[in-house]
Amino acid sequence: MANQNLQISGKVSNEKIDNGALINAIADMRKEFNPDTQNKVINQALRSTFLVPAVLEKNQELVADENNHVQFQDKQTAKFLLVNKNVKDKEGNQKTISFFPVFTSKDAMDAMAKTTEQKFVPFAMKFSDIANLTENTPNVEGFVLDPFTKEHNLPFTKPMLESIKQTLIKFRQEKEAAAKAAAEGSAPDITVSSSDEK
């Protein structure tokens, strides 16, 4: 991974995650693709928590305490799994691209367990954390929701994530500008004059 200090706010999870609204939005978008149905999918995804499979590895590292005494400590790291897809490039050559698999439910993730020998644990992560992880990992093209289901498997590529990020930044800037204008009382300057001049 490019950024070894990348902090994500995921946690090992056995909790039930409900992404029914997102799955319904994806189904609606598949029936009738338009900007409105696409925006509903993005808005639901931004609010969702997903399960991301990772292999936990225990390493030892040297750590110094406040008295500069050095000792070994166990450090647990998470290695996120990838799914690969073979595609043809512009020249017609076969190449493999990688995505982080991301799941809307434990049932959807169980399909992955059947395809790999690796023992993994689910990390519950928000959309923004997955996007950040993807953005900071150079060898992946993006992440894909429920890659082992036909109905609602959906890729989010790096260019799509950048577009969503820029839209959110623009929206936040406009909202902050409107709030600042309201706080400063930037209302139109209206002067009332009387016609009762004698």
Protein backbone atom coordinates (compact mmCIF):
# COMPACT_ATOMS: atom_id res chain seq x y z
CA MET A 1 0.00 0.00 0.00
CA ALA A 2 1.34 3.43 -0.88
CA ASN A 3 0.47 5.17 2.37
CA GLN A 4 1.54 3.00 5.30
CA ASN A 5 0.08 5.49 7.80
CA LEU A 6 -3.39 5.55 6.29
CA GLN A 7 -5.95 5.66 9.08
CA ILE A 8 -9.37 4.17 8.51
CA SER A 9 -12.23 3.99 10.94
CA GLY A 10 -13.24 0.41 10.26
CA LYS A 11 -13.85 -2.19 12.94
CA VAL A 12 -14.12 -5.95 12.93
CA SER A 13 -17.82 -6.56 12.75
CA ASN A 14 -20.32 -9.33 13.31
CA GLU A 15 -23.21 -6.87 13.44
CA LYS A 16 -26.10 -7.04 11.05
CA ILE A 17 -25.88 -4.30 8.47
CA ASP A 18 -29.02 -3.22 6.62
CA ASN A 19 -28.45 -1.75 3.17
CA GLY A 20 -31.93 -2.52 1.85
CA ALA A 21 -32.53 1.08 0.72
CA LEU A 22 -29.29 1.03 -1.30
CA ILE A 23 -30.11 -2.34 -2.89
CA ASN A 24 -33.56 -1.02 -3.85
CA ALA A 25 -32.01 2.16 -5.30
CA ILE A 26 -29.60 0.04 -7.40
CA ALA A 27 -32.53 -2.08 -8.66
CA ASP A 28 -34.45 1.09 -9.61
CA MET A 29 -31.40 2.47 -11.42
CA ARG A 30 -31.00 -0.80 -13.34
CA LYS A 31 -34.65 -0.62 -14.44
CA GLU A 32 -34.43 3.00 -15.54
CA PHE A 33 -31.00 4.60 -15.72
CA ASN A 34 -31.16 8.39 -15.47
CA PRO A 35 -29.48 11.13 -13.39
CA ASP A 36 -32.22 10.93 -10.73
CA THR A 37 -31.89 7.17 -10.12
CA GLN A 38 -28.08 7.44 -10.27
CA ASN A 39 -28.11 10.24 -7.63
CA LYS A 40 -30.35 8.15 -5.36
CA VAL A 41 -27.81 5.30 -5.50
CA ILE A 42 -24.92 7.66 -4.69
CA ASN A 43 -26.83 9.33 -1.84
CA GLN A 44 -27.74 5.95 -0.32
CA ALA A 45 -24.16 4.69 -0.73
CA LEU A 46 -22.78 7.77 1.04
CA ARG A 47 -24.96 6.97 4.08
CA SER A 48 -24.24 3.24 4.11
CA THR A 49 -21.95 1.02 6.14
CA PHE A 50 -20.37 -1.88 4.27
CA LEU A 51 -18.45 -5.04 5.08
CA VAL A 52 -14.92 -5.18 3.68
CA PRO A 53 -13.03 -8.50 3.98
CA ALA A 54 -9.51 -8.37 5.37
CA VAL A 55 -6.91 -10.81 6.59
CA LEU A 56 -5.53 -9.91 10.02
CA GLU A 57 -1.79 -10.37 10.42
CA LYS A 58 0.15 -10.13 13.65
CA ASN A 59 3.62 -8.62 13.43
CA GLN A 60 6.12 -7.55 16.03
CA GLU A 61 7.68 -4.12 16.09
CA LEU A 62 10.18 -2.39 18.33
CA VAL A 63 8.61 0.33 20.46
CA ALA A 64 10.39 2.76 22.79
CA ASP A 65 8.67 3.90 25.99
CA GLU A 66 9.07 7.32 27.69
CA ASN A 67 12.35 6.17 29.32
CA ASN A 68 13.71 5.08 25.94
CA HIS A 69 13.54 1.38 26.86
CA VAL A 70 12.94 -0.63 23.72
CA GLN A 71 10.76 -3.72 23.62
CA PHE A 72 8.85 -5.79 21.11
CA GLN A 73 5.09 -5.28 20.87
CA ASP A 74 2.51 -7.16 18.86
CA LYS A 75 1.03 -5.04 16.13
CA GLN A 76 -2.00 -6.23 14.24
CA THR A 77 -2.43 -5.13 10.64
CA ALA A 78 -5.28 -5.65 8.23
CA LYS A 79 -4.58 -6.67 4.65
CA PHE A 80 -7.63 -5.99 2.49
CA LEU A 81 -8.50 -8.58 -0.13
CA LEU A 82 -8.80 -7.85 -3.84
CA VAL A 83 -10.89 -9.28 -6.67
CA ASN A 84 -9.42 -9.31 -10.16
CA LYS A 85 -11.09 -8.88 -13.52
CA ASN A 86 -9.56 -9.61 -16.91
CA VAL A 87 -10.24 -6.89 -19.48
CA LYS A 88 -8.89 -5.83 -22.85
CA ASP A 89 -7.06 -2.52 -23.14
CA LYS A 90 -7.37 -0.09 -26.08
CA GLU A 91 -4.86 -2.09 -28.10
CA GLY A 92 -6.82 -5.32 -27.53
CA ASN A 93 -4.30 -6.81 -25.10
CA GLN A 94 -5.54 -8.76 -22.10
CA LYS A 95 -4.82 -7.19 -18.71
CA THR A 96 -5.92 -7.76 -15.13
CA ILE A 97 -7.41 -4.99 -13.03
CA SER A 98 -8.05 -5.17 -9.28
CA PHE A 99 -10.89 -3.89 -7.09
CA PHE A 100 -11.58 -3.99 -3.38
CA PRO A 101 -14.63 -6.21 -2.80
CA VAL A 102 -17.21 -4.44 -0.63
CA PHE A 103 -20.39 -6.08 0.61
CA THR A 104 -23.83 -4.76 1.50
CA SER A 105 -24.55 -7.69 3.86
CA LYS A 106 -23.01 -10.74 5.49
CA ASP A 107 -25.01 -12.98 3.12
CA ALA A 108 -23.49 -11.23 0.09
CA MET A 109 -20.01 -11.63 1.62
CA ASP A 110 -20.53 -15.34 2.29
CA ALA A 111 -20.37 -15.89 -1.49
CA MET A 112 -16.74 -14.74 -1.39
CA ALA A 113 -15.88 -17.28 1.31
CA LYS A 114 -16.75 -20.03 -1.19
CA THR A 115 -14.23 -18.69 -3.73
CA THR A 116 -11.15 -18.27 -1.52
CA GLU A 117 -9.16 -20.39 0.90
CA GLN A 118 -8.06 -17.32 2.86
CA LYS A 119 -9.57 -16.81 6.30
CA PHE A 120 -10.82 -13.25 6.46
CA VAL A 121 -12.80 -11.10 8.86
CA PRO A 122 -15.38 -8.46 7.92
CA PHE A 123 -14.54 -4.83 8.66
CA ALA A 124 -17.52 -2.47 8.93
CA MET A 125 -16.59 0.69 7.04
CA LYS A 126 -18.34 3.82 5.80
CA PHE A 127 -18.30 4.81 2.13
CA SER A 128 -15.89 7.70 2.78
CA ASP A 129 -13.33 5.39 4.44
CA ILE A 130 -13.51 2.91 1.57
CA ALA A 131 -13.11 5.75 -0.94
CA ASN A 132 -10.09 7.04 1.02
CA LEU A 133 -8.53 3.56 1.13
CA THR A 134 -9.11 3.18 -2.63
CA GLU A 135 -7.70 6.61 -3.43
CA ASN A 136 -4.52 5.83 -1.48
CA THR A 137 -3.91 2.40 -3.01
CA PRO A 138 -2.24 2.76 -6.42
CA ASN A 139 -2.72 -0.79 -7.74
CA VAL A 140 -6.54 -0.83 -7.56
CA GLU A 141 -9.04 0.60 -10.03
CA GLY A 142 -11.75 1.15 -7.42
CA PHE A 143 -14.11 -0.95 -5.34
CA VAL A 144 -17.07 -3.07 -6.31
CA LEU A 145 -20.24 -3.63 -4.30
CA ASP A 146 -21.30 -7.27 -3.99
CA PRO A 147 -19.02 -8.61 -6.75
CA PHE A 148 -20.47 -12.13 -6.52
CA THR A 149 -24.11 -11.16 -7.10
CA LYS A 150 -25.65 -10.34 -10.44
CA GLU A 151 -28.55 -8.20 -9.22
CA HIS A 152 -26.74 -5.41 -7.44
CA ASN A 153 -23.04 -5.70 -8.13
CA LEU A 154 -21.83 -2.19 -8.83
CA PRO A 155 -18.30 -0.85 -9.41
CA PHE A 156 -17.10 2.51 -8.11
CA THR A 157 -13.97 3.41 -10.10
CA LYS A 158 -11.39 5.98 -9.03
CA PRO A 159 -12.65 8.55 -11.60
CA MET A 160 -16.24 8.08 -10.28
CA LEU A 161 -15.04 8.51 -6.68
CA GLU A 162 -13.14 11.68 -7.63
CA SER A 163 -16.28 13.07 -9.31
CA ILE A 164 -18.38 12.32 -6.21
CA LYS A 165 -15.71 13.92 -4.00
CA GLN A 166 -15.60 17.11 -6.12
CA THR A 167 -19.40 17.35 -6.10
CA LEU A 168 -19.45 17.01 -2.30
CA ILE A 169 -16.71 19.64 -1.90
CA LYS A 170 -18.61 22.06 -4.17
CA PHE A 171 -21.87 21.41 -2.28
CA ARG A 172 -20.16 22.00 1.08
CA GLN A 173 -18.55 25.24 -0.16
CA GLU A 174 -21.91 26.53 -1.45
CA LYS A 175 -23.59 25.60 1.84
CA GLU A 176 -20.87 27.34 3.87
CA ALA A 177 -21.08 30.46 1.66
CA ALA A 178 -24.87 30.58 2.11
CA ALA A 179 -24.53 30.16 5.89
CA LYS A 180 -21.86 32.88 6.04
CA ALA A 181 -24.00 35.27 3.98
CA ALA A 182 -26.97 34.63 6.27
CA ALA A 183 -24.84 35.13 9.39
CA GLU A 184 -23.42 38.41 8.11
CA GLY A 185 -26.86 39.64 7.18
CA SER A 186 -26.01 40.01 3.53
CA ALA A 187 -29.57 40.76 2.67
CA PRO A 188 -30.34 43.25 -0.07
CA ASP A 189 -30.07 46.87 1.10
CA ILE A 190 -33.62 48.17 0.90
CA THR A 191 -34.43 51.78 1.66
CA VAL A 192 -37.98 52.80 2.38
CA SER A 193 -38.82 56.39 1.58
CA SER A 194 -41.94 58.23 2.51
CA SER A 195 -44.03 60.12 0.01
CA ASP A 196 -45.48 62.36 2.75
CA GLU A 197 -42.90 65.09 2.24
CA LYS A 198 -44.40 68.55 2.93
